[in-house]
Amino acid sequence: MLSICETQCVTRPNASASTESVCKLLLSLVVFSGLIALAFLHVGAWMVLPFAGLELVLVVLAFVVVLRHSSDYEKITFVQDQVEIEQSVLGEIKHVRFQSYWTRITLREGENGKTSLWIGSHHQEVEFGRDTMDNAQREQVASHLKRVLLKTK
């Protein structure tokens, strides 16, 4: 999800499922997969049971990773003559500040065709929106940030 305002830009992962709905989904998967595995066990195919258990463990681990990153965010704020970048990954918050006059916004093309948005000044750079935006959104944010920076100079 991307939110752009005149003085602030916030991006966060698309977390459309709540913890409660994920728990309900996982419970239904456990019941459904367990019933199927027990039916196979009943007819003598006992090897289905450990593989069903392994499958459920991997699905649960995947959802745990997704839910842990659901509160991550990145935020750019323009305050007076400063550009503040705040990045939160797994609850660890990183703050970086640049003087607006010297701040540069750069889009770089990667080897895989994915662009990356870099904000920096004086040999220090921060990548913004690596995991939360697509190429079109990065270009949109870059042009917006450049316009806002021109207004502050």
Protein backbone atom coordinates (compact mmCIF):
# COMPACT_ATOMS: atom_id res chain seq x y z
CA MET A 1 0.00 0.00 0.00
CA LEU A 2 1.29 3.45 -0.92
CA SER A 3 0.17 6.76 0.54
CA ILE A 4 1.57 10.02 -0.80
CA CYS A 5 0.90 13.39 0.81
CA GLU A 6 2.55 16.74 0.22
CA THR A 7 4.86 16.43 3.22
CA GLN A 8 4.92 12.67 3.83
CA CYS A 9 5.12 9.43 1.85
CA VAL A 10 4.36 6.13 3.60
CA THR A 11 4.64 2.67 2.12
CA ARG A 12 3.89 -0.65 3.77
CA PRO A 13 3.36 -4.25 2.61
CA ASN A 14 -0.07 -5.26 1.42
CA ALA A 15 -1.34 -7.11 4.49
CA SER A 16 -4.93 -7.84 3.61
CA ALA A 17 -5.35 -10.72 6.06
CA SER A 18 -5.62 -10.17 9.79
CA THR A 19 -4.02 -12.50 12.32
CA GLU A 20 -7.44 -13.83 13.25
CA SER A 21 -8.35 -14.68 9.64
CA VAL A 22 -4.98 -16.37 9.09
CA CYS A 23 -5.52 -18.48 12.22
CA LYS A 24 -8.96 -19.51 10.97
CA LEU A 25 -7.51 -20.41 7.57
CA LEU A 26 -4.72 -22.46 9.12
CA LEU A 27 -7.15 -24.26 11.42
CA SER A 28 -9.36 -25.17 8.47
CA LEU A 29 -6.30 -26.40 6.53
CA VAL A 30 -5.22 -28.56 9.49
CA VAL A 31 -8.68 -30.09 9.81
CA PHE A 32 -9.14 -30.66 6.06
CA SER A 33 -5.63 -32.02 5.47
CA GLY A 34 -5.81 -34.10 8.65
CA LEU A 35 -9.08 -35.72 7.57
CA ILE A 36 -7.63 -36.59 4.18
CA ALA A 37 -4.44 -37.97 5.74
CA LEU A 38 -6.46 -40.03 8.23
CA ALA A 39 -8.58 -41.43 5.38
CA PHE A 40 -5.43 -42.54 3.58
CA LEU A 41 -4.09 -43.98 6.84
CA HIS A 42 -7.32 -45.95 7.22
CA VAL A 43 -6.84 -47.61 3.79
CA GLY A 44 -3.19 -48.45 4.55
CA ALA A 45 -1.29 -45.57 2.93
CA TRP A 46 0.38 -44.47 6.16
CA MET A 47 3.15 -42.48 4.40
CA VAL A 48 0.63 -39.75 3.53
CA LEU A 49 0.40 -38.75 7.22
CA PRO A 50 4.00 -37.49 7.70
CA PHE A 51 3.97 -35.65 4.38
CA ALA A 52 0.67 -33.98 5.27
CA GLY A 53 2.21 -32.93 8.59
CA LEU A 54 5.33 -31.58 6.84
CA GLU A 55 3.17 -29.66 4.38
CA LEU A 56 1.19 -28.06 7.21
CA VAL A 57 4.36 -27.09 9.10
CA LEU A 58 5.75 -25.36 5.98
CA VAL A 59 2.47 -23.51 5.35
CA VAL A 60 2.35 -22.34 8.98
CA LEU A 61 5.98 -21.14 8.78
CA ALA A 62 5.22 -19.22 5.58
CA PHE A 63 2.28 -17.46 7.22
CA VAL A 64 4.35 -16.67 10.31
CA VAL A 65 6.95 -14.93 8.13
CA VAL A 66 4.26 -12.95 6.32
CA LEU A 67 2.54 -11.92 9.56
CA ARG A 68 5.83 -10.86 11.18
CA HIS A 69 6.46 -8.45 8.28
CA SER A 70 2.89 -7.11 8.16
CA SER A 71 3.74 -4.16 10.45
CA ASP A 72 6.82 -3.09 8.46
CA TYR A 73 6.74 0.36 6.89
CA GLU A 74 8.86 3.03 5.26
CA LYS A 75 8.16 6.73 5.63
CA ILE A 76 9.61 9.90 4.10
CA THR A 77 8.77 13.16 5.85
CA PHE A 78 9.68 16.68 4.76
CA VAL A 79 10.26 18.83 7.85
CA GLN A 80 11.42 22.41 7.26
CA ASP A 81 14.74 22.01 5.41
CA GLN A 82 15.20 18.29 6.16
CA VAL A 83 14.17 15.02 4.56
CA GLU A 84 13.61 12.34 7.20
CA ILE A 85 13.47 8.69 6.22
CA GLU A 86 12.16 6.15 8.72
CA GLN A 87 12.27 2.44 7.97
CA SER A 88 10.79 -0.21 10.25
CA VAL A 89 11.61 -3.87 9.60
CA LEU A 90 10.48 -6.45 12.19
CA GLY A 91 10.09 -3.69 14.77
CA GLU A 92 13.61 -2.33 14.31
CA ILE A 93 13.38 1.34 13.32
CA LYS A 94 16.10 3.09 11.34
CA HIS A 95 16.15 6.90 10.98
CA VAL A 96 18.14 8.84 8.38
CA ARG A 97 18.10 12.61 7.80
CA PHE A 98 19.30 14.61 4.83
CA GLN A 99 19.37 18.34 4.16
CA SER A 100 16.74 18.97 1.47
CA TYR A 101 19.02 21.20 -0.56
CA TRP A 102 21.58 18.41 -1.03
CA THR A 103 19.17 15.48 -1.29
CA ARG A 104 19.16 13.56 -4.57
CA ILE A 105 16.48 11.15 -5.77
CA THR A 106 17.76 8.45 -8.11
CA LEU A 107 16.06 5.60 -9.95
CA ARG A 108 18.42 2.76 -10.90
CA GLU A 109 17.66 -0.12 -13.21
CA GLY A 110 18.67 -3.52 -11.86
CA GLU A 111 19.84 -6.54 -13.82
CA ASN A 112 16.44 -8.20 -13.43
CA GLY A 113 14.53 -5.23 -14.90
CA LYS A 114 13.46 -4.01 -11.46
CA THR A 115 14.11 -0.37 -10.70
CA SER A 116 15.23 0.78 -7.28
CA LEU A 117 14.60 4.17 -5.69
CA TRP A 118 17.57 5.70 -3.87
CA ILE A 119 17.51 8.82 -1.70
CA GLY A 120 20.82 10.24 -0.62
CA SER A 121 23.24 13.03 -0.01
CA HIS A 122 26.99 13.33 0.52
CA HIS A 123 27.93 9.68 -0.17
CA GLN A 124 25.14 8.27 2.00
CA GLU A 125 22.13 6.65 0.34
CA VAL A 126 19.02 4.78 1.45
CA GLU A 127 16.92 2.50 -0.74
CA PHE A 128 13.21 3.23 -0.42
CA GLY A 129 10.31 0.89 -1.22
CA ARG A 130 12.36 -2.15 -2.23
CA ASP A 131 9.79 -4.72 -1.10
CA THR A 132 6.61 -2.65 -0.98
CA MET A 133 6.34 -0.96 -4.39
CA ASP A 134 6.43 -1.98 -8.02
CA ASN A 135 8.37 -0.15 -10.76
CA ALA A 136 5.49 2.16 -11.70
CA GLN A 137 4.94 3.20 -8.09
CA ARG A 138 8.67 3.85 -7.62
CA GLU A 139 8.66 6.12 -10.67
CA GLN A 140 5.56 7.92 -9.37
CA VAL A 141 7.11 8.43 -5.94
CA ALA A 142 10.43 9.57 -7.44
CA SER A 143 8.77 12.23 -9.59
CA HIS A 144 6.64 13.40 -6.65
CA LEU A 145 9.66 13.60 -4.33
CA LYS A 146 11.63 15.55 -6.93
CA ARG A 147 8.76 18.07 -7.26
CA VAL A 148 8.53 18.49 -3.48
CA LEU A 149 12.32 18.91 -3.21
CA LEU A 150 12.25 21.62 -5.88
CA LYS A 151 9.65 23.52 -3.84
CA THR A 152 11.81 23.39 -0.71
CA LYS A 153 14.96 24.68 -2.41
